[in-house]
């Protein structure tokens, strides 16, 4: 697909439906993805979970100064997907 527009992406969405468990190499890949997203000056939108690879990517991106937005439906908050705190940039 050829790029014919001068518009560039400003946001990227990641969603990993995967808990890395025994696959520790996925941790490094997720961290690398976060670094690439920041290098390209993109902001992240992710599934909002406090667990798994999506959260790892969000932490890498946030700590390196890009914006992060986690979205999670209220209906599944009681399942323990969120810790009840938000990232803050002080």
Protein backbone atom coordinates (compact mmCIF):
# COMPACT_ATOMS: atom_id res chain seq x y z
CA UNK A 1 0.00 0.00 0.00
CA UNK A 2 1.61 3.24 -1.13
CA UNK A 3 1.46 6.25 1.16
CA UNK A 4 -0.19 9.02 -0.81
CA UNK A 5 -1.09 11.29 2.10
CA UNK A 6 1.17 13.70 3.95
CA UNK A 7 -0.66 12.91 7.20
CA UNK A 8 1.24 10.89 9.76
CA UNK A 9 -0.01 8.84 12.65
CA UNK A 10 0.15 10.52 16.04
CA UNK A 11 -1.34 7.72 18.12
CA UNK A 12 -0.96 3.98 18.11
CA UNK A 13 -3.08 1.37 19.84
CA UNK A 14 -1.70 -1.85 21.25
CA UNK A 15 -3.65 -4.68 22.76
CA UNK A 16 -2.02 -7.90 23.85
CA UNK A 17 -4.46 -10.54 24.99
CA UNK A 18 -1.53 -12.45 26.43
CA UNK A 19 0.02 -12.90 29.83
CA UNK A 20 3.69 -13.58 29.18
CA UNK A 21 4.04 -16.30 31.83
CA UNK A 22 6.84 -18.63 30.78
CA UNK A 23 7.65 -16.69 27.62
CA UNK A 24 10.13 -14.24 29.15
CA UNK A 25 11.50 -13.22 25.73
CA UNK A 26 8.20 -11.42 25.11
CA UNK A 27 9.10 -9.00 27.91
CA UNK A 28 12.09 -7.72 25.95
CA UNK A 29 10.08 -7.47 22.73
CA UNK A 30 7.37 -5.45 24.50
CA UNK A 31 9.97 -3.09 26.00
CA UNK A 32 11.60 -2.68 22.59
CA UNK A 33 8.22 -1.88 21.05
CA UNK A 34 7.69 0.81 23.67
CA UNK A 35 11.05 2.39 22.89
CA UNK A 36 10.31 2.40 19.14
CA UNK A 37 6.94 4.04 19.73
CA UNK A 38 8.61 6.82 21.74
CA UNK A 39 11.39 7.25 19.16
CA UNK A 40 8.72 7.81 16.51
CA UNK A 41 7.05 10.40 18.74
CA UNK A 42 3.78 8.52 18.95
CA UNK A 43 1.30 8.42 21.83
CA UNK A 44 -0.16 5.15 23.10
CA UNK A 45 -3.72 3.97 23.56
CA UNK A 46 -3.95 0.56 25.19
CA UNK A 47 -6.36 -1.84 26.83
CA UNK A 48 -5.93 -0.34 30.31
CA UNK A 49 -5.01 -3.51 32.18
CA UNK A 50 -2.59 -3.57 35.10
CA UNK A 51 -1.26 -6.90 33.86
CA UNK A 52 0.53 -8.35 30.91
CA UNK A 53 2.47 -7.02 28.00
CA UNK A 54 0.20 -4.07 27.19
CA UNK A 55 0.90 -2.65 30.64
CA UNK A 56 4.63 -3.18 30.19
CA UNK A 57 4.59 -1.30 26.88
CA UNK A 58 2.58 1.51 28.50
CA UNK A 59 5.07 1.88 31.36
CA UNK A 60 8.05 2.07 29.01
CA UNK A 61 6.33 4.70 26.89
CA UNK A 62 5.13 6.77 29.86
CA UNK A 63 8.49 6.78 31.64
CA UNK A 64 10.14 7.98 28.43
CA UNK A 65 7.79 10.97 28.21
CA UNK A 66 5.07 10.08 25.70
CA UNK A 67 1.38 10.24 26.48
CA UNK A 68 -0.48 7.08 27.47
CA UNK A 69 -4.22 6.48 27.57
CA UNK A 70 -5.54 3.25 29.08
CA UNK A 71 -9.14 2.37 28.30
CA UNK A 72 -11.07 -0.30 30.16
CA UNK A 73 -14.85 -0.81 30.45
CA UNK A 74 -16.30 -0.21 33.94
CA UNK A 75 -18.01 -3.60 33.77
CA UNK A 76 -14.70 -5.47 34.02
CA UNK A 77 -13.00 -3.25 36.60
CA UNK A 78 -14.21 -5.45 39.49
CA UNK A 79 -12.33 -8.40 37.95
CA UNK A 80 -9.06 -6.92 39.18
CA UNK A 81 -7.81 -5.59 35.88
CA UNK A 82 -7.01 -2.22 37.39
CA UNK A 83 -5.22 -1.42 40.61
CA UNK A 84 -7.20 1.76 41.13
CA UNK A 85 -4.31 4.13 40.51
CA UNK A 86 -3.28 6.14 37.51
CA UNK A 87 0.13 6.97 36.15
CA UNK A 88 1.11 10.49 37.06
CA UNK A 89 3.83 12.59 35.55
CA UNK A 90 5.14 14.83 38.36
